[in-house]
Amino acid sequence: ALCELLSEYLALEGYAVEAVHDGEA
């Protein structure tokens, strides 16, 4: 949920965000 929120917010700031959810990935 935090990843989705940050991805949307940072996109508005001009960043493209890719999220992964475990250490190995």
mmCIF file of all heavy atoms, coordinates in Angstrom:
data_MODEL
# 
_entry.id   MODEL 
# 
loop_
_atom_site.group_PDB 
_atom_site.id 
_atom_site.type_symbol 
_atom_site.label_atom_id 
_atom_site.label_alt_id 
_atom_site.label_comp_id 
_atom_site.label_asym_id 
_atom_site.label_entity_id 
_atom_site.label_seq_id 
_atom_site.pdbx_PDB_ins_code 
_atom_site.Cartn_x 
_atom_site.Cartn_y 
_atom_site.Cartn_z 
_atom_site.occupancy 
_atom_site.B_iso_or_equiv 
_atom_site.pdbx_formal_charge 
_atom_site.auth_seq_id 
_atom_site.auth_comp_id 
_atom_site.auth_asym_id 
_atom_site.auth_atom_id 
_atom_site.pdbx_PDB_model_num 
ATOM 1   N N   . ALA A 1 1  ? 0.834  -1.203  0.000   1.00 0.00 ? 1  ALA A N   1 
ATOM 2   C CA  . ALA A 1 1  ? 0.000  0.000   0.000   1.00 0.00 ? 1  ALA A CA  1 
ATOM 3   C C   . ALA A 1 1  ? 0.869  1.253   0.000   1.00 0.00 ? 1  ALA A C   1 
ATOM 4   O O   . ALA A 1 1  ? 0.591  2.220   -0.728  1.00 0.00 ? 1  ALA A O   1 
ATOM 5   C CB  . ALA A 1 1  ? -0.932 -0.010  1.215   1.00 0.00 ? 1  ALA A CB  1 
ATOM 6   N N   . LEU A 1 2  ? 1.935  1.245   0.793   1.00 0.00 ? 2  LEU A N   1 
ATOM 7   C CA  . LEU A 1 2  ? 2.850  2.384   0.826   1.00 0.00 ? 2  LEU A CA  1 
ATOM 8   C C   . LEU A 1 2  ? 3.541  2.547   -0.525  1.00 0.00 ? 2  LEU A C   1 
ATOM 9   O O   . LEU A 1 2  ? 3.711  3.676   -1.017  1.00 0.00 ? 2  LEU A O   1 
ATOM 10  C CB  . LEU A 1 2  ? 3.891  2.193   1.925   1.00 0.00 ? 2  LEU A CB  1 
ATOM 11  C CG  . LEU A 1 2  ? 4.973  3.272   2.008   1.00 0.00 ? 2  LEU A CG  1 
ATOM 12  C CD1 . LEU A 1 2  ? 4.360  4.620   2.360   1.00 0.00 ? 2  LEU A CD1 1 
ATOM 13  C CD2 . LEU A 1 2  ? 6.041  2.872   3.032   1.00 0.00 ? 2  LEU A CD2 1 
ATOM 14  N N   . CYS A 1 3  ? 3.921  1.437   -1.140  1.00 0.00 ? 3  CYS A N   1 
ATOM 15  C CA  . CYS A 1 3  ? 4.581  1.505   -2.443  1.00 0.00 ? 3  CYS A CA  1 
ATOM 16  C C   . CYS A 1 3  ? 3.675  2.153   -3.488  1.00 0.00 ? 3  CYS A C   1 
ATOM 17  O O   . CYS A 1 3  ? 4.126  2.975   -4.294  1.00 0.00 ? 3  CYS A O   1 
ATOM 18  C CB  . CYS A 1 3  ? 4.997  0.107   -2.898  1.00 0.00 ? 3  CYS A CB  1 
ATOM 19  S SG  . CYS A 1 3  ? 6.397  -0.581  -1.981  1.00 0.00 ? 3  CYS A SG  1 
ATOM 20  N N   . GLU A 1 4  ? 2.406  1.771   -3.482  1.00 0.00 ? 4  GLU A N   1 
ATOM 21  C CA  . GLU A 1 4  ? 1.464  2.358   -4.437  1.00 0.00 ? 4  GLU A CA  1 
ATOM 22  C C   . GLU A 1 4  ? 1.313  3.857   -4.201  1.00 0.00 ? 4  GLU A C   1 
ATOM 23  O O   . GLU A 1 4  ? 1.307  4.657   -5.146  1.00 0.00 ? 4  GLU A O   1 
ATOM 24  C CB  . GLU A 1 4  ? 0.106  1.664   -4.323  1.00 0.00 ? 4  GLU A CB  1 
ATOM 25  C CG  . GLU A 1 4  ? 0.105  0.226   -4.823  1.00 0.00 ? 4  GLU A CG  1 
ATOM 26  C CD  . GLU A 1 4  ? -1.243 -0.441  -4.628  1.00 0.00 ? 4  GLU A CD  1 
ATOM 27  O OE1 . GLU A 1 4  ? -2.195 0.257   -4.194  1.00 0.00 ? 4  GLU A OE1 1 
ATOM 28  O OE2 . GLU A 1 4  ? -1.353 -1.654  -4.908  1.00 0.00 ? 4  GLU A OE2 1 
ATOM 29  N N   . LEU A 1 5  ? 1.202  4.241   -2.934  1.00 0.00 ? 5  LEU A N   1 
ATOM 30  C CA  . LEU A 1 5  ? 1.048  5.650   -2.588  1.00 0.00 ? 5  LEU A CA  1 
ATOM 31  C C   . LEU A 1 5  ? 2.280  6.459   -2.997  1.00 0.00 ? 5  LEU A C   1 
ATOM 32  O O   . LEU A 1 5  ? 2.158  7.527   -3.620  1.00 0.00 ? 5  LEU A O   1 
ATOM 33  C CB  . LEU A 1 5  ? 0.813  5.786   -1.086  1.00 0.00 ? 5  LEU A CB  1 
ATOM 34  C CG  . LEU A 1 5  ? 0.614  7.206   -0.551  1.00 0.00 ? 5  LEU A CG  1 
ATOM 35  C CD1 . LEU A 1 5  ? -0.651 7.822   -1.134  1.00 0.00 ? 5  LEU A CD1 1 
ATOM 36  C CD2 . LEU A 1 5  ? 0.541  7.184   0.977   1.00 0.00 ? 5  LEU A CD2 1 
ATOM 37  N N   . LEU A 1 6  ? 3.467  5.947   -2.682  1.00 0.00 ? 6  LEU A N   1 
ATOM 38  C CA  . LEU A 1 6  ? 4.693  6.664   -3.022  1.00 0.00 ? 6  LEU A CA  1 
ATOM 39  C C   . LEU A 1 6  ? 4.909  6.723   -4.528  1.00 0.00 ? 6  LEU A C   1 
ATOM 40  O O   . LEU A 1 6  ? 5.391  7.736   -5.055  1.00 0.00 ? 6  LEU A O   1 
ATOM 41  C CB  . LEU A 1 6  ? 5.894  6.002   -2.345  1.00 0.00 ? 6  LEU A CB  1 
ATOM 42  C CG  . LEU A 1 6  ? 5.985  6.154   -0.826  1.00 0.00 ? 6  LEU A CG  1 
ATOM 43  C CD1 . LEU A 1 6  ? 7.249  5.481   -0.310  1.00 0.00 ? 6  LEU A CD1 1 
ATOM 44  C CD2 . LEU A 1 6  ? 5.967  7.622   -0.427  1.00 0.00 ? 6  LEU A CD2 1 
ATOM 45  N N   . SER A 1 7  ? 4.571  5.658   -5.213  1.00 0.00 ? 7  SER A N   1 
ATOM 46  C CA  . SER A 1 7  ? 4.737  5.648   -6.673  1.00 0.00 ? 7  SER A CA  1 
ATOM 47  C C   . SER A 1 7  ? 3.883  6.727   -7.320  1.00 0.00 ? 7  SER A C   1 
ATOM 48  O O   . SER A 1 7  ? 4.341  7.441   -8.221  1.00 0.00 ? 7  SER A O   1 
ATOM 49  C CB  . SER A 1 7  ? 4.360  4.274   -7.237  1.00 0.00 ? 7  SER A CB  1 
ATOM 50  O OG  . SER A 1 7  ? 5.243  3.274   -6.774  1.00 0.00 ? 7  SER A OG  1 
ATOM 51  N N   . GLU A 1 8  ? 2.642  6.872   -6.845  1.00 0.00 ? 8  GLU A N   1 
ATOM 52  C CA  . GLU A 1 8  ? 1.753  7.903   -7.384  1.00 0.00 ? 8  GLU A CA  1 
ATOM 53  C C   . GLU A 1 8  ? 2.263  9.301   -7.046  1.00 0.00 ? 8  GLU A C   1 
ATOM 54  O O   . GLU A 1 8  ? 2.272  10.199  -7.891  1.00 0.00 ? 8  GLU A O   1 
ATOM 55  C CB  . GLU A 1 8  ? 0.336  7.703   -6.837  1.00 0.00 ? 8  GLU A CB  1 
ATOM 56  C CG  . GLU A 1 8  ? -0.341 6.435   -7.329  1.00 0.00 ? 8  GLU A CG  1 
ATOM 57  C CD  . GLU A 1 8  ? -1.703 6.219   -6.691  1.00 0.00 ? 8  GLU A CD  1 
ATOM 58  O OE1 . GLU A 1 8  ? -2.129 7.102   -5.901  1.00 0.00 ? 8  GLU A OE1 1 
ATOM 59  O OE2 . GLU A 1 8  ? -2.342 5.185   -6.962  1.00 0.00 ? 8  GLU A OE2 1 
ATOM 60  N N   . TYR A 1 9  ? 2.688  9.478   -5.810  1.00 0.00 ? 9  TYR A N   1 
ATOM 61  C CA  . TYR A 1 9  ? 3.159  10.798  -5.391  1.00 0.00 ? 9  TYR A CA  1 
ATOM 62  C C   . TYR A 1 9  ? 4.436  11.198  -6.126  1.00 0.00 ? 9  TYR A C   1 
ATOM 63  O O   . TYR A 1 9  ? 4.558  12.323  -6.618  1.00 0.00 ? 9  TYR A O   1 
ATOM 64  C CB  . TYR A 1 9  ? 3.400  10.801  -3.880  1.00 0.00 ? 9  TYR A CB  1 
ATOM 65  C CG  . TYR A 1 9  ? 3.872  12.139  -3.368  1.00 0.00 ? 9  TYR A CG  1 
ATOM 66  C CD1 . TYR A 1 9  ? 2.965  13.166  -3.113  1.00 0.00 ? 9  TYR A CD1 1 
ATOM 67  C CD2 . TYR A 1 9  ? 5.222  12.379  -3.139  1.00 0.00 ? 9  TYR A CD2 1 
ATOM 68  C CE1 . TYR A 1 9  ? 3.395  14.402  -2.648  1.00 0.00 ? 9  TYR A CE1 1 
ATOM 69  C CE2 . TYR A 1 9  ? 5.662  13.610  -2.680  1.00 0.00 ? 9  TYR A CE2 1 
ATOM 70  C CZ  . TYR A 1 9  ? 4.742  14.616  -2.438  1.00 0.00 ? 9  TYR A CZ  1 
ATOM 71  O OH  . TYR A 1 9  ? 5.181  15.837  -1.988  1.00 0.00 ? 9  TYR A OH  1 
ATOM 72  N N   . LEU A 1 10 ? 5.384  10.275  -6.223  1.00 0.00 ? 10 LEU A N   1 
ATOM 73  C CA  . LEU A 1 10 ? 6.654  10.597  -6.879  1.00 0.00 ? 10 LEU A CA  1 
ATOM 74  C C   . LEU A 1 10 ? 6.487  10.787  -8.378  1.00 0.00 ? 10 LEU A C   1 
ATOM 75  O O   . LEU A 1 10 ? 7.244  11.524  -9.001  1.00 0.00 ? 10 LEU A O   1 
ATOM 76  C CB  . LEU A 1 10 ? 7.684  9.506   -6.580  1.00 0.00 ? 10 LEU A CB  1 
ATOM 77  C CG  . LEU A 1 10 ? 8.150  9.458   -5.116  1.00 0.00 ? 10 LEU A CG  1 
ATOM 78  C CD1 . LEU A 1 10 ? 9.026  8.230   -4.869  1.00 0.00 ? 10 LEU A CD1 1 
ATOM 79  C CD2 . LEU A 1 10 ? 8.908  10.726  -4.739  1.00 0.00 ? 10 LEU A CD2 1 
ATOM 80  N N   . ALA A 1 11 ? 5.481  10.140  -8.958  1.00 0.00 ? 11 ALA A N   1 
ATOM 81  C CA  . ALA A 1 11 ? 5.202  10.360  -10.383 1.00 0.00 ? 11 ALA A CA  1 
ATOM 82  C C   . ALA A 1 11 ? 4.802  11.809  -10.625 1.00 0.00 ? 11 ALA A C   1 
ATOM 83  O O   . ALA A 1 11 ? 5.170  12.405  -11.650 1.00 0.00 ? 11 ALA A O   1 
ATOM 84  C CB  . ALA A 1 11 ? 4.101  9.417   -10.853 1.00 0.00 ? 11 ALA A CB  1 
ATOM 85  N N   . LEU A 1 12 ? 4.076  12.387  -9.681  1.00 0.00 ? 12 LEU A N   1 
ATOM 86  C CA  . LEU A 1 12 ? 3.695  13.795  -9.805  1.00 0.00 ? 12 LEU A CA  1 
ATOM 87  C C   . LEU A 1 12 ? 4.907  14.713  -9.714  1.00 0.00 ? 12 LEU A C   1 
ATOM 88  O O   . LEU A 1 12 ? 4.875  15.843  -10.208 1.00 0.00 ? 12 LEU A O   1 
ATOM 89  C CB  . LEU A 1 12 ? 2.687  14.166  -8.708  1.00 0.00 ? 12 LEU A CB  1 
ATOM 90  C CG  . LEU A 1 12 ? 1.335  13.445  -8.759  1.00 0.00 ? 12 LEU A CG  1 
ATOM 91  C CD1 . LEU A 1 12 ? 0.493  13.833  -7.545  1.00 0.00 ? 12 LEU A CD1 1 
ATOM 92  C CD2 . LEU A 1 12 ? 0.595  13.774  -10.052 1.00 0.00 ? 12 LEU A CD2 1 
ATOM 93  N N   . GLU A 1 13 ? 5.980  14.223  -9.094  1.00 0.00 ? 13 GLU A N   1 
ATOM 94  C CA  . GLU A 1 13 ? 7.209  15.003  -8.967  1.00 0.00 ? 13 GLU A CA  1 
ATOM 95  C C   . GLU A 1 13 ? 8.176  14.748  -10.126 1.00 0.00 ? 13 GLU A C   1 
ATOM 96  O O   . GLU A 1 13 ? 9.284  15.278  -10.138 1.00 0.00 ? 13 GLU A O   1 
ATOM 97  C CB  . GLU A 1 13 ? 7.908  14.656  -7.643  1.00 0.00 ? 13 GLU A CB  1 
ATOM 98  C CG  . GLU A 1 13 ? 7.108  15.038  -6.409  1.00 0.00 ? 13 GLU A CG  1 
ATOM 99  C CD  . GLU A 1 13 ? 7.019  16.539  -6.205  1.00 0.00 ? 13 GLU A CD  1 
ATOM 100 O OE1 . GLU A 1 13 ? 7.945  17.243  -6.653  1.00 0.00 ? 13 GLU A OE1 1 
ATOM 101 O OE2 . GLU A 1 13 ? 6.042  17.006  -5.598  1.00 0.00 ? 13 GLU A OE2 1 
ATOM 102 N N   . GLY A 1 14 ? 7.742  13.907  -11.070 1.00 0.00 ? 14 GLY A N   1 
ATOM 103 C CA  . GLY A 1 14 ? 8.569  13.675  -12.252 1.00 0.00 ? 14 GLY A CA  1 
ATOM 104 C C   . GLY A 1 14 ? 9.453  12.445  -12.190 1.00 0.00 ? 14 GLY A C   1 
ATOM 105 O O   . GLY A 1 14 ? 10.374 12.301  -13.006 1.00 0.00 ? 14 GLY A O   1 
ATOM 106 N N   . TYR A 1 15 ? 9.182  11.541  -11.258 1.00 0.00 ? 15 TYR A N   1 
ATOM 107 C CA  . TYR A 1 15 ? 9.981  10.320  -11.124 1.00 0.00 ? 15 TYR A CA  1 
ATOM 108 C C   . TYR A 1 15 ? 9.179  9.104   -11.565 1.00 0.00 ? 15 TYR A C   1 
ATOM 109 O O   . TYR A 1 15 ? 7.979  9.008   -11.304 1.00 0.00 ? 15 TYR A O   1 
ATOM 110 C CB  . TYR A 1 15 ? 10.432 10.122  -9.676  1.00 0.00 ? 15 TYR A CB  1 
ATOM 111 C CG  . TYR A 1 15 ? 11.285 11.243  -9.142  1.00 0.00 ? 15 TYR A CG  1 
ATOM 112 C CD1 . TYR A 1 15 ? 10.765 12.160  -8.229  1.00 0.00 ? 15 TYR A CD1 1 
ATOM 113 C CD2 . TYR A 1 15 ? 12.605 11.396  -9.536  1.00 0.00 ? 15 TYR A CD2 1 
ATOM 114 C CE1 . TYR A 1 15 ? 11.531 13.196  -7.731  1.00 0.00 ? 15 TYR A CE1 1 
ATOM 115 C CE2 . TYR A 1 15 ? 13.387 12.433  -9.050  1.00 0.00 ? 15 TYR A CE2 1 
ATOM 116 C CZ  . TYR A 1 15 ? 12.844 13.328  -8.148  1.00 0.00 ? 15 TYR A CZ  1 
ATOM 117 O OH  . TYR A 1 15 ? 13.611 14.355  -7.661  1.00 0.00 ? 15 TYR A OH  1 
ATOM 118 N N   . ALA A 1 16 ? 9.857  8.175   -12.200 1.00 0.00 ? 16 ALA A N   1 
ATOM 119 C CA  . ALA A 1 16 ? 9.252  6.896   -12.542 1.00 0.00 ? 16 ALA A CA  1 
ATOM 120 C C   . ALA A 1 16 ? 9.717  5.875   -11.510 1.00 0.00 ? 16 ALA A C   1 
ATOM 121 O O   . ALA A 1 16 ? 10.915 5.644   -11.348 1.00 0.00 ? 16 ALA A O   1 
ATOM 122 C CB  . ALA A 1 16 ? 9.688  6.460   -13.950 1.00 0.00 ? 16 ALA A CB  1 
ATOM 123 N N   . VAL A 1 17 ? 8.780  5.269   -10.797 1.00 0.00 ? 17 VAL A N   1 
ATOM 124 C CA  . VAL A 1 17 ? 9.103  4.388   -9.682  1.00 0.00 ? 17 VAL A CA  1 
ATOM 125 C C   . VAL A 1 17 ? 8.720  2.959   -10.019 1.00 0.00 ? 17 VAL A C   1 
ATOM 126 O O   . VAL A 1 17 ? 7.604  2.689   -10.462 1.00 0.00 ? 17 VAL A O   1 
ATOM 127 C CB  . VAL A 1 17 ? 8.379  4.826   -8.398  1.00 0.00 ? 17 VAL A CB  1 
ATOM 128 C CG1 . VAL A 1 17 ? 8.715  3.883   -7.242  1.00 0.00 ? 17 VAL A CG1 1 
ATOM 129 C CG2 . VAL A 1 17 ? 8.753  6.262   -8.039  1.00 0.00 ? 17 VAL A CG2 1 
ATOM 130 N N   . GLU A 1 18 ? 9.640  2.037   -9.785  1.00 0.00 ? 18 GLU A N   1 
ATOM 131 C CA  . GLU A 1 18 ? 9.336  0.610   -9.860  1.00 0.00 ? 18 GLU A CA  1 
ATOM 132 C C   . GLU A 1 18 ? 9.505  0.042   -8.462  1.00 0.00 ? 18 GLU A C   1 
ATOM 133 O O   . GLU A 1 18 ? 10.533 0.267   -7.821  1.00 0.00 ? 18 GLU A O   1 
ATOM 134 C CB  . GLU A 1 18 ? 10.261 -0.115  -10.828 1.00 0.00 ? 18 GLU A CB  1 
ATOM 135 C CG  . GLU A 1 18 ? 9.980  -1.611  -10.911 1.00 0.00 ? 18 GLU A CG  1 
ATOM 136 C CD  . GLU A 1 18 ? 10.854 -2.327  -11.924 1.00 0.00 ? 18 GLU A CD  1 
ATOM 137 O OE1 . GLU A 1 18 ? 11.323 -1.673  -12.869 1.00 0.00 ? 18 GLU A OE1 1 
ATOM 138 O OE2 . GLU A 1 18 ? 11.075 -3.541  -11.761 1.00 0.00 ? 18 GLU A OE2 1 
ATOM 139 N N   . ALA A 1 19 ? 8.507  -0.685  -7.983  1.00 0.00 ? 19 ALA A N   1 
ATOM 140 C CA  . ALA A 1 19 ? 8.536  -1.229  -6.631  1.00 0.00 ? 19 ALA A CA  1 
ATOM 141 C C   . ALA A 1 19 ? 8.701  -2.744  -6.663  1.00 0.00 ? 19 ALA A C   1 
ATOM 142 O O   . ALA A 1 19 ? 8.093  -3.432  -7.496  1.00 0.00 ? 19 ALA A O   1 
ATOM 143 C CB  . ALA A 1 19 ? 7.262  -0.859  -5.882  1.00 0.00 ? 19 ALA A CB  1 
ATOM 144 N N   . VAL A 1 20 ? 9.528  -3.252  -5.771  1.00 0.00 ? 20 VAL A N   1 
ATOM 145 C CA  . VAL A 1 20 ? 9.655  -4.695  -5.543  1.00 0.00 ? 20 VAL A CA  1 
ATOM 146 C C   . VAL A 1 20 ? 9.508  -4.917  -4.041  1.00 0.00 ? 20 VAL A C   1 
ATOM 147 O O   . VAL A 1 20 ? 9.779  -4.006  -3.243  1.00 0.00 ? 20 VAL A O   1 
ATOM 148 C CB  . VAL A 1 20 ? 10.993 -5.256  -6.059  1.00 0.00 ? 20 VAL A CB  1 
ATOM 149 C CG1 . VAL A 1 20 ? 11.066 -5.175  -7.572  1.00 0.00 ? 20 VAL A CG1 1 
ATOM 150 C CG2 . VAL A 1 20 ? 12.166 -4.515  -5.440  1.00 0.00 ? 20 VAL A CG2 1 
ATOM 151 N N   . HIS A 1 21 ? 9.106  -6.139  -3.656  1.00 0.00 ? 21 HIS A N   1 
ATOM 152 C CA  . HIS A 1 21 ? 8.634  -6.316  -2.287  1.00 0.00 ? 21 HIS A CA  1 
ATOM 153 C C   . HIS A 1 21 ? 9.404  -7.344  -1.474  1.00 0.00 ? 21 HIS A C   1 
ATOM 154 O O   . HIS A 1 21 ? 8.957  -7.725  -0.390  1.00 0.00 ? 21 HIS A O   1 
ATOM 155 C CB  . HIS A 1 21 ? 7.146  -6.681  -2.311  1.00 0.00 ? 21 HIS A CB  1 
ATOM 156 C CG  . HIS A 1 21 ? 6.317  -5.732  -3.121  1.00 0.00 ? 21 HIS A CG  1 
ATOM 157 N ND1 . HIS A 1 21 ? 6.235  -4.387  -2.834  1.00 0.00 ? 21 HIS A ND1 1 
ATOM 158 C CD2 . HIS A 1 21 ? 5.547  -5.922  -4.242  1.00 0.00 ? 21 HIS A CD2 1 
ATOM 159 C CE1 . HIS A 1 21 ? 5.460  -3.783  -3.714  1.00 0.00 ? 21 HIS A CE1 1 
ATOM 160 N NE2 . HIS A 1 21 ? 5.032  -4.696  -4.580  1.00 0.00 ? 21 HIS A NE2 1 
ATOM 161 N N   . ASP A 1 22 ? 10.543 -7.782  -1.944  1.00 0.00 ? 22 ASP A N   1 
ATOM 162 C CA  . ASP A 1 22 ? 11.394 -8.637  -1.118  1.00 0.00 ? 22 ASP A CA  1 
ATOM 163 C C   . ASP A 1 22 ? 12.855 -8.343  -1.431  1.00 0.00 ? 22 ASP A C   1 
ATOM 164 O O   . ASP A 1 22 ? 13.188 -7.736  -2.455  1.00 0.00 ? 22 ASP A O   1 
ATOM 165 C CB  . ASP A 1 22 ? 11.072 -10.126 -1.318  1.00 0.00 ? 22 ASP A CB  1 
ATOM 166 C CG  . ASP A 1 22 ? 11.486 -10.641 -2.680  1.00 0.00 ? 22 ASP A CG  1 
ATOM 167 O OD1 . ASP A 1 22 ? 12.696 -10.847 -2.901  1.00 0.00 ? 22 ASP A OD1 1 
ATOM 168 O OD2 . ASP A 1 22 ? 10.592 -10.826 -3.541  1.00 0.00 ? 22 ASP A OD2 1 
ATOM 169 N N   . GLY A 1 23 ? 13.732 -8.758  -0.528  1.00 0.00 ? 23 GLY A N   1 
ATOM 170 C CA  . GLY A 1 23 ? 15.129 -8.396  -0.633  1.00 0.00 ? 23 GLY A CA  1 
ATOM 171 C C   . GLY A 1 23 ? 15.845 -8.973  -1.835  1.00 0.00 ? 23 GLY A C   1 
ATOM 172 O O   . GLY A 1 23 ? 16.660 -8.293  -2.473  1.00 0.00 ? 23 GLY A O   1 
ATOM 173 N N   . GLU A 1 24 ? 15.561 -10.217 -2.173  1.00 0.00 ? 24 GLU A N   1 
ATOM 174 C CA  . GLU A 1 24 ? 16.254 -10.840 -3.301  1.00 0.00 ? 24 GLU A CA  1 
ATOM 175 C C   . GLU A 1 24 ? 15.897 -10.157 -4.614  1.00 0.00 ? 24 GLU A C   1 
ATOM 176 O O   . GLU A 1 24 ? 16.764 -9.868  -5.446  1.00 0.00 ? 24 GLU A O   1 
ATOM 177 C CB  . GLU A 1 24 ? 15.936 -12.330 -3.363  1.00 0.00 ? 24 GLU A CB  1 
ATOM 178 C CG  . GLU A 1 24 ? 16.595 -13.136 -2.247  1.00 0.00 ? 24 GLU A CG  1 
ATOM 179 C CD  . GLU A 1 24 ? 16.407 -14.629 -2.423  1.00 0.00 ? 24 GLU A CD  1 
ATOM 180 O OE1 . GLU A 1 24 ? 15.712 -15.036 -3.395  1.00 0.00 ? 24 GLU A OE1 1 
ATOM 181 O OE2 . GLU A 1 24 ? 16.932 -15.394 -1.594  1.00 0.00 ? 24 GLU A OE2 1 
ATOM 182 N N   . ALA A 1 25 ? 14.606 -9.886  -4.817  1.00 0.00 ? 25 ALA A N   1 
ATOM 183 C CA  . ALA A 1 25 ? 14.183 -9.186  -6.033  1.00 0.00 ? 25 ALA A CA  1 
ATOM 184 C C   . ALA A 1 25 ? 14.735 -7.773  -6.043  1.00 0.00 ? 25 ALA A C   1 
ATOM 185 O O   . ALA A 1 25 ? 15.140 -7.241  -7.096  1.00 0.00 ? 25 ALA A O   1 
ATOM 186 C CB  . ALA A 1 25 ? 12.655 -9.168  -6.121  1.00 0.00 ? 25 ALA A CB  1 
# 
